[in-house]
Amino acid sequence: MVKRVTSDSLIMMSEGEFEFLISRLLRHIGFSINESLDFGNNERIYIAQGRKKPYMGKFVIRYKRNTGEDDVLDMEFLNGTSHWTIREATNKVLIVSNCNFSEELQFHADNSEVELIGADEIVRLANEIAEEDERRKKEQESIKKRRKRPNVPYGRTLILKLETEYTIDLAPVTVKEWLNVWLRIKSEIEVILATALKIDPESVDKNDSERLKSLTTKLEGLYFDLMKYKVPDVAQLSRDMAERVLENVILLVTGTLYEEPLEDIEDYRANITKLDNELTAVNKELVEYLEEKEKEVKRREKFRNIVLVGYVVGILLLMAILVSKT
């Protein structure tokens, strides 16, 4: 049975619970959040892109949680968003709150690009989300009943099995060698992901199942390949993040096949992309580190050559002086 949200339960929510609800609500009505800023107790500013009517375009979103003090939001509250509307070059503002709105603010919203979502609408949308979650849960349970689960390790169980199985003497590699190893493994991961993401997790047929099993076997091999190297301290963060990327890919692929409870497959894809972007940034620093090391080696070689030339010239001068005296 769906647990329904009420105006009273909104007030009873903790700050974290209310913030989580609002972030889900915003995604539900079509917003993609680009930036999130803490704006004090029980308040937050979002910079978001609306992709569904009636919220199309870039918005500055400000929410405030009513803690039971019967707060009334007025034009002064709206004017508090002016810094961000100027910075983002947009007049579109969305205020989300279970507080009351002043008549002046409501009149202004009716005649401008300002939108208001009050307590009643928050409750309606929250219950709509809860009903969708319940419907999705029932669909997933129905799919699980129809699909025979194989008696093999998968998801986090598979990762734990891989972690405990490999007993390899770590092969030391240089930073440059490590980067080459990761680039090779990454290219194979990208091929595996491209194949897996074409498969609809809601309807995995026999051919899809065999294909996913093959991808899982490849991922196991890549995991062992990745874990067998000992990298320099400067590259340790890169290696750790590479391991996390690969583990997330394993969760996504084996979850699609074996029903690891993936609450939102898009979140897994987004998480892999985020980790990959962070890893790219770390590896860029490693490339810069290698370039600086190479410059240092060239500087030392140049200095050594200068010293050698000076030494040779000195010897020649000394021999010339000795010859002239004889």
C-alpha atoms as a PDB file:
ATOM      1  CA  MET A   1       0.000   0.000   0.000  1.00  0.00           C
ATOM      2  CA  VAL A   2       1.286   3.474  -0.926  1.00  0.00           C
ATOM      3  CA  LYS A   3       2.214   5.663   2.026  1.00  0.00           C
ATOM      4  CA  ARG A   4       0.547   8.973   1.242  1.00  0.00           C
ATOM      5  CA  VAL A   5       2.041  12.398   1.916  1.00  0.00           C
ATOM      6  CA  THR A   6      -0.015  15.107   3.644  1.00  0.00           C
ATOM      7  CA  SER A   7       0.537  18.787   4.467  1.00  0.00           C
ATOM      8  CA  ASP A   8       1.180  17.771   8.088  1.00  0.00           C
ATOM      9  CA  SER A   9       3.718  15.101   7.111  1.00  0.00           C
ATOM     10  CA  LEU A  10       5.607  17.720   5.043  1.00  0.00           C
ATOM     11  CA  ILE A  11       6.102  19.789   8.189  1.00  0.00           C
ATOM     12  CA  MET A  12       7.230  16.700  10.134  1.00  0.00           C
ATOM     13  CA  MET A  13       9.900  15.833   7.560  1.00  0.00           C
ATOM     14  CA  SER A  14      13.544  16.439   8.428  1.00  0.00           C
ATOM     15  CA  GLU A  15      15.514  18.945   6.358  1.00  0.00           C
ATOM     16  CA  GLY A  16      17.241  16.097   4.497  1.00  0.00           C
ATOM     17  CA  GLU A  17      13.980  14.269   3.776  1.00  0.00           C
ATOM     18  CA  PHE A  18      12.333  17.434   2.469  1.00  0.00           C
ATOM     19  CA  GLU A  19      15.336  18.264   0.266  1.00  0.00           C
ATOM     20  CA  PHE A  20      15.306  14.732  -1.181  1.00  0.00           C
ATOM     21  CA  LEU A  21      11.565  14.991  -1.887  1.00  0.00           C
ATOM     22  CA  ILE A  22      11.964  18.344  -3.658  1.00  0.00           C
ATOM     23  CA  SER A  23      14.874  17.078  -5.791  1.00  0.00           C
ATOM     24  CA  ARG A  24      12.758  14.073  -6.870  1.00  0.00           C
ATOM     25  CA  LEU A  25       9.760  16.310  -7.473  1.00  0.00           C
ATOM     26  CA  LEU A  26      11.801  18.611  -9.719  1.00  0.00           C
ATOM     27  CA  ARG A  27      13.061  15.699 -11.805  1.00  0.00           C
ATOM     28  CA  HIS A  28       9.499  14.337 -11.962  1.00  0.00           C
ATOM     29  CA  ILE A  29       8.174  17.543 -13.543  1.00  0.00           C
ATOM     30  CA  GLY A  30      10.997  17.623 -16.085  1.00  0.00           C
ATOM     31  CA  PHE A  31      13.888  19.555 -14.564  1.00  0.00           C
ATOM     32  CA  SER A  32      17.540  18.680 -15.028  1.00  0.00           C
ATOM     33  CA  ILE A  33      19.486  20.233 -12.143  1.00  0.00           C
ATOM     34  CA  ASN A  34      22.776  21.858 -13.181  1.00  0.00           C
ATOM     35  CA  GLU A  35      23.791  23.442  -9.873  1.00  0.00           C
ATOM     36  CA  SER A  36      22.663  23.186  -6.264  1.00  0.00           C
ATOM     37  CA  LEU A  37      23.504  25.846  -3.672  1.00  0.00           C
ATOM     38  CA  ASP A  38      22.893  25.785   0.072  1.00  0.00           C
ATOM     39  CA  PHE A  39      21.029  28.993   0.941  1.00  0.00           C
ATOM     40  CA  GLY A  40      20.783  28.705   4.690  1.00  0.00           C
ATOM     41  CA  ASN A  41      18.590  26.761   7.078  1.00  0.00           C
ATOM     42  CA  ASN A  42      15.779  24.878   5.272  1.00  0.00           C
ATOM     43  CA  GLU A  43      16.467  26.719   2.004  1.00  0.00           C
ATOM     44  CA  ARG A  44      18.281  25.888  -1.224  1.00  0.00           C
ATOM     45  CA  ILE A  45      18.811  27.412  -4.666  1.00  0.00           C
ATOM     46  CA  TYR A  46      18.858  25.263  -7.815  1.00  0.00           C
ATOM     47  CA  ILE A  47      19.899  26.261 -11.309  1.00  0.00           C
ATOM     48  CA  ALA A  48      17.945  23.912 -13.565  1.00  0.00           C
ATOM     49  CA  GLN A  49      16.858  23.338 -17.136  1.00  0.00           C
ATOM     50  CA  GLY A  50      13.171  22.640 -17.663  1.00  0.00           C
ATOM     51  CA  ARG A  51      12.370  20.131 -20.405  1.00  0.00           C
ATOM     52  CA  LYS A  52       8.607  19.663 -19.970  1.00  0.00           C
ATOM     53  CA  LYS A  53       5.691  22.067 -20.216  1.00  0.00           C
ATOM     54  CA  PRO A  54       4.898  24.326 -18.478  1.00  0.00           C
ATOM     55  CA  TYR A  55       8.479  24.568 -17.193  1.00  0.00           C
ATOM     56  CA  MET A  56      10.555  25.054 -20.347  1.00  0.00           C
ATOM     57  CA  GLY A  57      13.974  26.730 -20.362  1.00  0.00           C
ATOM     58  CA  LYS A  58      16.466  27.764 -17.699  1.00  0.00           C
ATOM     59  CA  PHE A  59      15.030  28.392 -14.231  1.00  0.00           C
ATOM     60  CA  VAL A  60      16.325  29.659 -10.931  1.00  0.00           C
ATOM     61  CA  ILE A  61      14.537  27.497  -8.355  1.00  0.00           C
ATOM     62  CA  ARG A  62      14.343  28.408  -4.682  1.00  0.00           C
ATOM     63  CA  TYR A  63      12.702  26.207  -2.109  1.00  0.00           C
ATOM     64  CA  LYS A  64      11.933  26.824   1.542  1.00  0.00           C
ATOM     65  CA  ARG A  65      10.624  24.324   4.070  1.00  0.00           C
ATOM     66  CA  ASN A  66       7.971  25.480   6.521  1.00  0.00           C
ATOM     67  CA  THR A  67       8.879  24.203   9.990  1.00  0.00           C
ATOM     68  CA  GLY A  68       5.484  24.966  11.495  1.00  0.00           C
ATOM     69  CA  GLU A  69       5.904  28.703  12.049  1.00  0.00           C
ATOM     70  CA  ASP A  70       3.283  29.697   9.436  1.00  0.00           C
ATOM     71  CA  ASP A  71       5.829  31.539   7.327  1.00  0.00           C
ATOM     72  CA  VAL A  72       4.479  33.721   4.508  1.00  0.00           C
ATOM     73  CA  LEU A  73       6.696  34.221   1.456  1.00  0.00           C
ATOM     74  CA  ASP A  74       6.438  37.665  -0.125  1.00  0.00           C
ATOM     75  CA  MET A  75       8.125  39.792  -2.792  1.00  0.00           C
ATOM     76  CA  GLU A  76      11.193  40.195  -0.592  1.00  0.00           C
ATOM     77  CA  PHE A  77      11.700  36.417  -0.742  1.00  0.00           C
ATOM     78  CA  LEU A  78      11.399  36.526  -4.555  1.00  0.00           C
ATOM     79  CA  ASN A  79      13.866  39.441  -4.776  1.00  0.00           C
ATOM     80  CA  GLY A  80      16.375  37.249  -2.946  1.00  0.00           C
ATOM     81  CA  THR A  81      16.818  35.294  -6.193  1.00  0.00           C
ATOM     82  CA  SER A  82      17.817  38.369  -8.257  1.00  0.00           C
ATOM     83  CA  HIS A  83      21.561  37.660  -7.988  1.00  0.00           C
ATOM     84  CA  TRP A  84      21.107  34.272  -9.686  1.00  0.00           C
ATOM     85  CA  THR A  85      18.600  35.456 -12.305  1.00  0.00           C
ATOM     86  CA  ILE A  86      21.091  38.148 -13.359  1.00  0.00           C
ATOM     87  CA  ARG A  87      23.994  35.678 -13.311  1.00  0.00           C
ATOM     88  CA  GLU A  88      22.087  33.090 -15.347  1.00  0.00           C
ATOM     89  CA  ALA A  89      20.465  35.700 -17.641  1.00  0.00           C
ATOM     90  CA  THR A  90      16.929  34.394 -17.067  1.00  0.00           C
ATOM     91  CA  ASN A  91      13.691  35.840 -15.713  1.00  0.00           C
ATOM     92  CA  LYS A  92      12.237  32.413 -15.005  1.00  0.00           C
ATOM     93  CA  VAL A  93      11.929  31.696 -11.301  1.00  0.00           C
ATOM     94  CA  LEU A  94      10.215  28.779  -9.581  1.00  0.00           C
ATOM     95  CA  ILE A  95       9.468  28.975  -5.860  1.00  0.00           C
ATOM     96  CA  VAL A  96       8.686  25.656  -4.178  1.00  0.00           C
ATOM     97  CA  SER A  97       7.510  25.768  -0.587  1.00  0.00           C
ATOM     98  CA  ASN A  98       4.949  24.463   1.854  1.00  0.00           C
ATOM     99  CA  CYS A  99       4.792  27.999   3.283  1.00  0.00           C
ATOM    100  CA  ASN A 100       1.961  30.346   2.360  1.00  0.00           C
ATOM    101  CA  PHE A 101       2.398  32.918  -0.429  1.00  0.00           C
ATOM    102  CA  SER A 102       1.415  36.567  -0.011  1.00  0.00           C
ATOM    103  CA  GLU A 103      -1.308  37.978  -2.275  1.00  0.00           C
ATOM    104  CA  GLU A 104       1.219  40.384  -3.811  1.00  0.00           C
ATOM    105  CA  LEU A 105       3.558  37.495  -4.703  1.00  0.00           C
ATOM    106  CA  GLN A 106       0.691  35.459  -6.184  1.00  0.00           C
ATOM    107  CA  PHE A 107      -0.455  38.451  -8.260  1.00  0.00           C
ATOM    108  CA  HIS A 108       3.098  39.005  -9.505  1.00  0.00           C
ATOM    109  CA  ALA A 109       3.430  35.302 -10.427  1.00  0.00           C
ATOM    110  CA  ASP A 110       0.174  35.464 -12.429  1.00  0.00           C
ATOM    111  CA  ASN A 111       1.611  38.304 -14.523  1.00  0.00           C
ATOM    112  CA  SER A 112       5.245  37.261 -14.965  1.00  0.00           C
ATOM    113  CA  GLU A 113       7.537  34.290 -15.603  1.00  0.00           C
ATOM    114  CA  VAL A 114       7.555  33.453 -11.898  1.00  0.00           C
ATOM    115  CA  GLU A 115       5.974  30.086 -11.003  1.00  0.00           C
ATOM    116  CA  LEU A 116       4.798  28.954  -7.570  1.00  0.00           C
ATOM    117  CA  ILE A 117       4.416  25.418  -6.233  1.00  0.00           C
ATOM    118  CA  GLY A 118       2.741  25.433  -2.845  1.00  0.00           C
ATOM    119  CA  ALA A 119       1.936  22.823  -0.226  1.00  0.00           C
ATOM    120  CA  ASP A 120      -1.111  21.379  -2.010  1.00  0.00           C
ATOM    121  CA  GLU A 121       0.791  20.899  -5.268  1.00  0.00           C
ATOM    122  CA  ILE A 122       3.823  19.417  -3.439  1.00  0.00           C
ATOM    123  CA  VAL A 123       1.497  16.913  -1.749  1.00  0.00           C
ATOM    124  CA  ARG A 124      -0.177  16.032  -5.070  1.00  0.00           C
ATOM    125  CA  LEU A 125       3.123  15.548  -6.902  1.00  0.00           C
ATOM    126  CA  ALA A 126       4.691  13.625  -3.983  1.00  0.00           C
ATOM    127  CA  ASN A 127       1.780  11.171  -3.977  1.00  0.00           C
ATOM    128  CA  GLU A 128       1.972  10.903  -7.777  1.00  0.00           C
ATOM    129  CA  ILE A 129       5.658   9.965  -7.460  1.00  0.00           C
ATOM    130  CA  ALA A 130       4.852   7.447  -4.694  1.00  0.00           C
ATOM    131  CA  GLU A 131       2.173   5.821  -6.856  1.00  0.00           C
ATOM    132  CA  GLU A 132       4.598   5.597  -9.797  1.00  0.00           C
ATOM    133  CA  ASP A 133       7.236   4.056  -7.525  1.00  0.00           C
ATOM    134  CA  GLU A 134       4.698   1.480  -6.315  1.00  0.00           C
ATOM    135  CA  ARG A 135       3.597   0.676  -9.867  1.00  0.00           C
ATOM    136  CA  ARG A 136       7.239   0.302 -10.995  1.00  0.00           C
ATOM    137  CA  LYS A 137       7.968  -1.914  -7.980  1.00  0.00           C
ATOM    138  CA  LYS A 138       5.061  -4.205  -8.857  1.00  0.00           C
ATOM    139  CA  GLU A 139       6.190  -4.384 -12.487  1.00  0.00           C
ATOM    140  CA  GLN A 140       9.723  -5.311 -11.410  1.00  0.00           C
ATOM    141  CA  GLU A 141       8.402  -7.990  -9.054  1.00  0.00           C
ATOM    142  CA  SER A 142       6.274  -9.379 -11.878  1.00  0.00           C
ATOM    143  CA  ILE A 143       9.296  -9.475 -14.196  1.00  0.00           C
ATOM    144  CA  LYS A 144      11.379 -11.199 -11.511  1.00  0.00           C
ATOM    145  CA  LYS A 145       8.735 -13.901 -11.135  1.00  0.00           C
ATOM    146  CA  ARG A 146       8.706 -14.526 -14.881  1.00  0.00           C
ATOM    147  CA  ARG A 147      12.470 -14.627 -15.219  1.00  0.00           C
ATOM    148  CA  LYS A 148      14.420 -17.605 -13.918  1.00  0.00           C
ATOM    149  CA  ARG A 149      17.351 -16.429 -11.873  1.00  0.00           C
ATOM    150  CA  PRO A 150      20.580 -18.345 -12.619  1.00  0.00           C
ATOM    151  CA  ASN A 151      22.464 -19.954  -9.771  1.00  0.00           C
ATOM    152  CA  VAL A 152      25.638 -17.929 -10.310  1.00  0.00           C
ATOM    153  CA  PRO A 153      27.263 -14.948  -8.553  1.00  0.00           C
ATOM    154  CA  TYR A 154      26.178 -11.575  -9.947  1.00  0.00           C
ATOM    155  CA  GLY A 155      26.150  -7.892  -9.005  1.00  0.00           C
ATOM    156  CA  ARG A 156      27.903  -7.118  -5.718  1.00  0.00           C
ATOM    157  CA  THR A 157      28.209 -10.837  -4.953  1.00  0.00           C
ATOM    158  CA  LEU A 158      30.239 -11.253  -8.136  1.00  0.00           C
ATOM    159  CA  ILE A 159      32.470  -8.297  -7.221  1.00  0.00           C
ATOM    160  CA  LEU A 160      33.075  -9.780  -3.751  1.00  0.00           C
ATOM    161  CA  LYS A 161      33.893 -13.139  -5.367  1.00  0.00           C
ATOM    162  CA  LEU A 162      36.382 -11.481  -7.735  1.00  0.00           C
ATOM    163  CA  GLU A 163      38.003  -9.548  -4.881  1.00  0.00           C
ATOM    164  CA  THR A 164      38.537 -12.707  -2.811  1.00  0.00           C
ATOM    165  CA  GLU A 165      39.607 -14.948  -5.706  1.00  0.00           C
ATOM    166  CA  TYR A 166      42.529 -13.162  -7.272  1.00  0.00           C
ATOM    167  CA  THR A 167      45.881 -13.935  -5.657  1.00  0.00           C
ATOM    168  CA  ILE A 168      48.262 -12.373  -8.093  1.00  0.00           C
ATOM    169  CA  ASP A 169      51.728 -10.989  -7.350  1.00  0.00           C
ATOM    170  CA  LEU A 170      51.250  -7.341  -8.279  1.00  0.00           C
ATOM    171  CA  ALA A 171      53.330  -6.279 -11.257  1.00  0.00           C
ATOM    172  CA  PRO A 172      54.851  -2.820 -10.714  1.00  0.00           C
ATOM    173  CA  VAL A 173      54.277  -0.358 -13.558  1.00  0.00           C
ATOM    174  CA  THR A 174      55.303   3.231 -14.217  1.00  0.00           C
ATOM    175  CA  VAL A 175      52.759   6.050 -14.506  1.00  0.00           C
ATOM    176  CA  LYS A 176      53.067   5.990 -18.298  1.00  0.00           C
ATOM    177  CA  GLU A 177      52.612   2.206 -18.429  1.00  0.00           C
ATOM    178  CA  TRP A 178      49.568   2.474 -16.152  1.00  0.00           C
ATOM    179  CA  LEU A 179      47.926   5.068 -18.394  1.00  0.00           C
ATOM    180  CA  ASN A 180      48.434   2.783 -21.394  1.00  0.00           C
ATOM    181  CA  VAL A 181      46.909  -0.161 -19.473  1.00  0.00           C
ATOM    182  CA  TRP A 182      43.844   1.888 -18.512  1.00  0.00           C
ATOM    183  CA  LEU A 183      43.325   3.245 -22.031  1.00  0.00           C
ATOM    184  CA  ARG A 184      43.264  -0.328 -23.360  1.00  0.00           C
ATOM    185  CA  ILE A 185      40.859  -1.530 -20.644  1.00  0.00           C
ATOM    186  CA  LYS A 186      38.674   1.563 -21.065  1.00  0.00           C
ATOM    187  CA  SER A 187      38.279   0.978 -24.803  1.00  0.00           C
ATOM    188  CA  GLU A 188      37.080  -2.582 -24.073  1.00  0.00           C
ATOM    189  CA  ILE A 189      34.682  -1.306 -21.370  1.00  0.00           C
ATOM    190  CA  GLU A 190      33.191   1.192 -23.831  1.00  0.00           C
ATOM    191  CA  VAL A 191      32.479  -1.608 -26.328  1.00  0.00           C
ATOM    192  CA  ILE A 192      30.881  -3.739 -23.583  1.00  0.00           C
ATOM    193  CA  LEU A 193      28.724  -0.831 -22.364  1.00  0.00           C
ATOM    194  CA  ALA A 194      27.624   0.089 -25.875  1.00  0.00           C
ATOM    195  CA  THR A 195      26.438  -3.501 -26.363  1.00  0.00           C
ATOM    196  CA  ALA A 196      24.759  -3.833 -22.955  1.00  0.00           C
ATOM    197  CA  LEU A 197      22.890  -0.515 -23.162  1.00  0.00           C
ATOM    198  CA  LYS A 198      21.138  -1.608 -26.351  1.00  0.00           C
ATOM    199  CA  ILE A 199      19.380  -4.368 -24.399  1.00  0.00           C
ATOM    200  CA  ASP A 200      16.049  -3.577 -22.770  1.00  0.00           C
ATOM    201  CA  PRO A 201      16.251  -4.840 -19.154  1.00  0.00           C
ATOM    202  CA  GLU A 202      12.473  -5.249 -19.113  1.00  0.00           C
ATOM    203  CA  SER A 203      12.510  -7.843 -21.908  1.00  0.00           C
ATOM    204  CA  VAL A 204      15.708  -9.897 -21.998  1.00  0.00           C
ATOM    205  CA  ASP A 205      15.268 -12.763 -24.475  1.00  0.00           C
ATOM    206  CA  LYS A 206      17.496 -15.829 -24.835  1.00  0.00           C
ATOM    207  CA  ASN A 207      19.872 -14.169 -27.307  1.00  0.00           C
ATOM    208  CA  ASP A 208      20.196 -11.113 -25.058  1.00  0.00           C
ATOM    209  CA  SER A 209      20.880 -13.392 -22.105  1.00  0.00           C
ATOM    210  CA  GLU A 210      23.699 -15.201 -23.911  1.00  0.00           C
ATOM    211  CA  ARG A 211      25.161 -11.900 -25.049  1.00  0.00           C
ATOM    212  CA  LEU A 212      25.108 -10.518 -21.491  1.00  0.00           C
ATOM    213  CA  LYS A 213      26.710 -13.684 -20.114  1.00  0.00           C
ATOM    214  CA  SER A 214      29.514 -13.263 -22.645  1.00  0.00           C
ATOM    215  CA  LEU A 215      29.959  -9.610 -21.608  1.00  0.00           C
ATOM    216  CA  THR A 216      30.057 -10.629 -17.935  1.00  0.00           C
ATOM    217  CA  THR A 217      32.841 -13.129 -18.678  1.00  0.00           C
ATOM    218  CA  LYS A 218      34.809 -10.382 -20.470  1.00  0.00           C
ATOM    219  CA  LEU A 219      34.310  -8.055 -17.511  1.00  0.00           C
ATOM    220  CA  GLU A 220      35.664 -10.685 -15.117  1.00  0.00           C
ATOM    221  CA  GLY A 221      38.777 -10.923 -17.277  1.00  0.00           C
ATOM    222  CA  LEU A 222      39.162  -7.134 -17.344  1.00  0.00           C
ATOM    223  CA  TYR A 223      38.785  -7.007 -13.550  1.00  0.00           C
ATOM    224  CA  PHE A 224      41.682  -9.430 -13.063  1.00  0.00           C
ATOM    225  CA  ASP A 225      43.683  -7.541 -15.681  1.00  0.00           C
ATOM    226  CA  LEU A 226      43.095  -4.239 -13.904  1.00  0.00           C
ATOM    227  CA  MET A 227      43.843  -5.519 -10.405  1.00  0.00           C
ATOM    228  CA  LYS A 228      47.187  -7.161 -11.154  1.00  0.00           C
ATOM    229  CA  TYR A 229      49.155  -3.917 -11.400  1.00  0.00           C
ATOM    230  CA  LYS A 230      50.947  -2.014  -8.628  1.00  0.00           C
ATOM    231  CA  VAL A 231      51.071   1.655  -9.548  1.00  0.00           C
ATOM    232  CA  PRO A 232      53.203   4.500  -8.145  1.00  0.00           C
ATOM    233  CA  ASP A 233      51.635   6.512  -5.319  1.00  0.00           C
ATOM    234  CA  VAL A 234      50.907   9.434  -7.646  1.00  0.00           C
ATOM    235  CA  ALA A 235      48.683   7.156  -9.783  1.00  0.00           C
ATOM    236  CA  GLN A 236      46.893   5.369  -6.910  1.00  0.00           C
ATOM    237  CA  LEU A 237      43.785   7.598  -7.097  1.00  0.00           C
ATOM    238  CA  SER A 238      43.536   6.907 -10.826  1.00  0.00           C
ATOM    239  CA  ARG A 239      43.694   3.154 -10.250  1.00  0.00           C
ATOM    240  CA  ASP A 240      41.112   3.255  -7.434  1.00  0.00           C
ATOM    241  CA  MET A 241      38.681   5.231  -9.582  1.00  0.00           C
ATOM    242  CA  ALA A 242      39.279   2.889 -12.527  1.00  0.00           C
ATOM    243  CA  GLU A 243      38.305  -0.007 -10.263  1.00  0.00           C
ATOM    244  CA  ARG A 244      35.094   1.823  -9.248  1.00  0.00           C
ATOM    245  CA  VAL A 245      34.186   2.481 -12.890  1.00  0.00           C
ATOM    246  CA  LEU A 246      34.648  -1.199 -13.714  1.00  0.00           C
ATOM    247  CA  GLU A 247      32.619  -2.299 -10.655  1.00  0.00           C
ATOM    248  CA  ASN A 248      29.756  -0.006 -11.704  1.00  0.00           C
ATOM    249  CA  VAL A 249      29.845  -1.499 -15.204  1.00  0.00           C
ATOM    250  CA  ILE A 250      29.713  -5.000 -13.672  1.00  0.00           C
ATOM    251  CA  LEU A 251      26.675  -3.967 -11.575  1.00  0.00           C
ATOM    252  CA  LEU A 252      24.927  -2.530 -14.625  1.00  0.00           C
ATOM    253  CA  VAL A 253      25.573  -5.475 -16.958  1.00  0.00           C
ATOM    254  CA  THR A 254      24.954  -8.306 -14.487  1.00  0.00           C
ATOM    255  CA  GLY A 255      22.024  -6.418 -12.975  1.00  0.00           C
ATOM    256  CA  THR A 256      20.362  -6.265 -16.386  1.00  0.00           C
ATOM    257  CA  LEU A 257      20.814 -10.008 -16.761  1.00  0.00           C
ATOM    258  CA  TYR A 258      20.391 -11.390 -13.252  1.00  0.00           C
ATOM    259  CA  GLU A 259      18.027  -8.912 -11.553  1.00  0.00           C
ATOM    260  CA  GLU A 260      20.428  -7.109  -9.260  1.00  0.00           C
ATOM    261  CA  PRO A 261      17.933  -4.603  -7.806  1.00  0.00           C
ATOM    262  CA  LEU A 262      18.739  -1.601  -9.986  1.00  0.00           C
ATOM    263  CA  GLU A 263      16.307   1.040  -8.732  1.00  0.00           C
ATOM    264  CA  ASP A 264      17.041   3.320 -11.653  1.00  0.00           C
ATOM    265  CA  ILE A 265      19.169   2.089 -14.516  1.00  0.00           C
ATOM    266  CA  GLU A 266      19.674   5.689 -15.685  1.00  0.00           C
ATOM    267  CA  ASP A 267      21.333   6.478 -12.337  1.00  0.00           C
ATOM    268  CA  TYR A 268      23.831   3.670 -12.939  1.00  0.00           C
ATOM    269  CA  ARG A 269      24.610   4.995 -16.411  1.00  0.00           C
ATOM    270  CA  ALA A 270      24.972   8.531 -15.054  1.00  0.00           C
ATOM    271  CA  ASN A 271      27.202   7.289 -12.215  1.00  0.00           C
ATOM    272  CA  ILE A 272      29.504   5.500 -14.650  1.00  0.00           C
ATOM    273  CA  THR A 273      29.706   8.634 -16.809  1.00  0.00           C
ATOM    274  CA  LYS A 274      30.433  10.812 -13.762  1.00  0.00           C
ATOM    275  CA  LEU A 275      33.197   8.487 -12.527  1.00  0.00           C
ATOM    276  CA  ASP A 276      34.688   8.297 -16.013  1.00  0.00           C
ATOM    277  CA  ASN A 277      34.741  12.114 -16.259  1.00  0.00           C
ATOM    278  CA  GLU A 278      36.419  12.389 -12.849  1.00  0.00           C
ATOM    279  CA  LEU A 279      38.937   9.725 -13.825  1.00  0.00           C
ATOM    280  CA  THR A 280      39.668  11.569 -17.083  1.00  0.00           C
ATOM    281  CA  ALA A 281      40.423  14.710 -15.054  1.00  0.00           C
ATOM    282  CA  VAL A 282      42.747  12.754 -12.714  1.00  0.00           C
ATOM    283  CA  ASN A 283      44.529  11.136 -15.643  1.00  0.00           C
ATOM    284  CA  LYS A 284      44.942  14.530 -17.304  1.00  0.00           C
ATOM    285  CA  GLU A 285      46.882  15.574 -14.207  1.00  0.00           C
ATOM    286  CA  LEU A 286      49.016  12.419 -14.543  1.00  0.00           C
ATOM    287  CA  VAL A 287      49.772  13.305 -18.184  1.00  0.00           C
ATOM    288  CA  GLU A 288      50.803  16.798 -17.057  1.00  0.00           C
ATOM    289  CA  TYR A 289      52.931  15.175 -14.342  1.00  0.00           C
ATOM    290  CA  LEU A 290      54.672  13.006 -16.961  1.00  0.00           C
ATOM    291  CA  GLU A 291      55.244  16.004 -19.224  1.00  0.00           C
ATOM    292  CA  GLU A 292      56.814  17.927 -16.337  1.00  0.00           C
ATOM    293  CA  LYS A 293      59.017  14.925 -15.502  1.00  0.00           C
ATOM    294  CA  GLU A 294      60.116  14.738 -19.139  1.00  0.00           C
ATOM    295  CA  LYS A 295      60.970  18.452 -19.108  1.00  0.00           C
ATOM    296  CA  GLU A 296      62.962  17.920 -15.913  1.00  0.00           C
ATOM    297  CA  VAL A 297      64.905  15.062 -17.498  1.00  0.00           C
ATOM    298  CA  LYS A 298      65.684  17.245 -20.528  1.00  0.00           C
ATOM    299  CA  ARG A 299      66.820  20.083 -18.251  1.00  0.00           C
ATOM    300  CA  ARG A 300      69.134  17.708 -16.364  1.00  0.00           C
ATOM    301  CA  GLU A 301      70.478  16.293 -19.621  1.00  0.00           C
ATOM    302  CA  LYS A 302      71.106  19.782 -20.944  1.00  0.00           C
ATOM    303  CA  PHE A 303      72.910  20.736 -17.730  1.00  0.00           C
ATOM    304  CA  ARG A 304      74.965  17.523 -17.875  1.00  0.00           C
ATOM    305  CA  ASN A 305      75.931  18.249 -21.484  1.00  0.00           C
ATOM    306  CA  ILE A 306      76.977  21.787 -20.554  1.00  0.00           C
ATOM    307  CA  VAL A 307      79.126  20.437 -17.701  1.00  0.00           C
ATOM    308  CA  LEU A 308      80.629  17.800 -20.035  1.00  0.00           C
ATOM    309  CA  VAL A 309      81.439  20.395 -22.679  1.00  0.00           C
ATOM    310  CA  GLY A 310      83.000  22.610 -20.019  1.00  0.00           C
ATOM    311  CA  TYR A 311      85.043  19.655 -18.758  1.00  0.00           C
ATOM    312  CA  VAL A 312      86.284  18.787 -22.265  1.00  0.00           C
ATOM    313  CA  VAL A 313      87.121  22.437 -23.023  1.00  0.00           C
ATOM    314  CA  GLY A 314      89.007  22.678 -19.722  1.00  0.00           C
ATOM    315  CA  ILE A 315      91.045  19.534 -20.505  1.00  0.00           C
ATOM    316  CA  LEU A 316      91.880  20.865 -23.986  1.00  0.00           C
ATOM    317  CA  LEU A 317      92.947  24.235 -22.570  1.00  0.00           C
ATOM    318  CA  LEU A 318      95.129  22.500 -19.968  1.00  0.00           C
ATOM    319  CA  MET A 319      96.757  20.335 -22.649  1.00  0.00           C
ATOM    320  CA  ALA A 320      97.352  23.413 -24.820  1.00  0.00           C
ATOM    321  CA  ILE A 321      99.038  25.194 -21.908  1.00  0.00           C
ATOM    322  CA  LEU A 322     101.269  22.184 -21.164  1.00  0.00           C
ATOM    323  CA  VAL A 323     102.256  21.855 -24.826  1.00  0.00           C
ATOM    324  CA  SER A 324     103.097  25.577 -25.092  1.00  0.00           C
ATOM    325  CA  LYS A 325     105.408  25.329 -22.038  1.00  0.00           C
ATOM    326  CA  THR A 326     107.342  22.417 -23.518  1.00  0.00           C
END
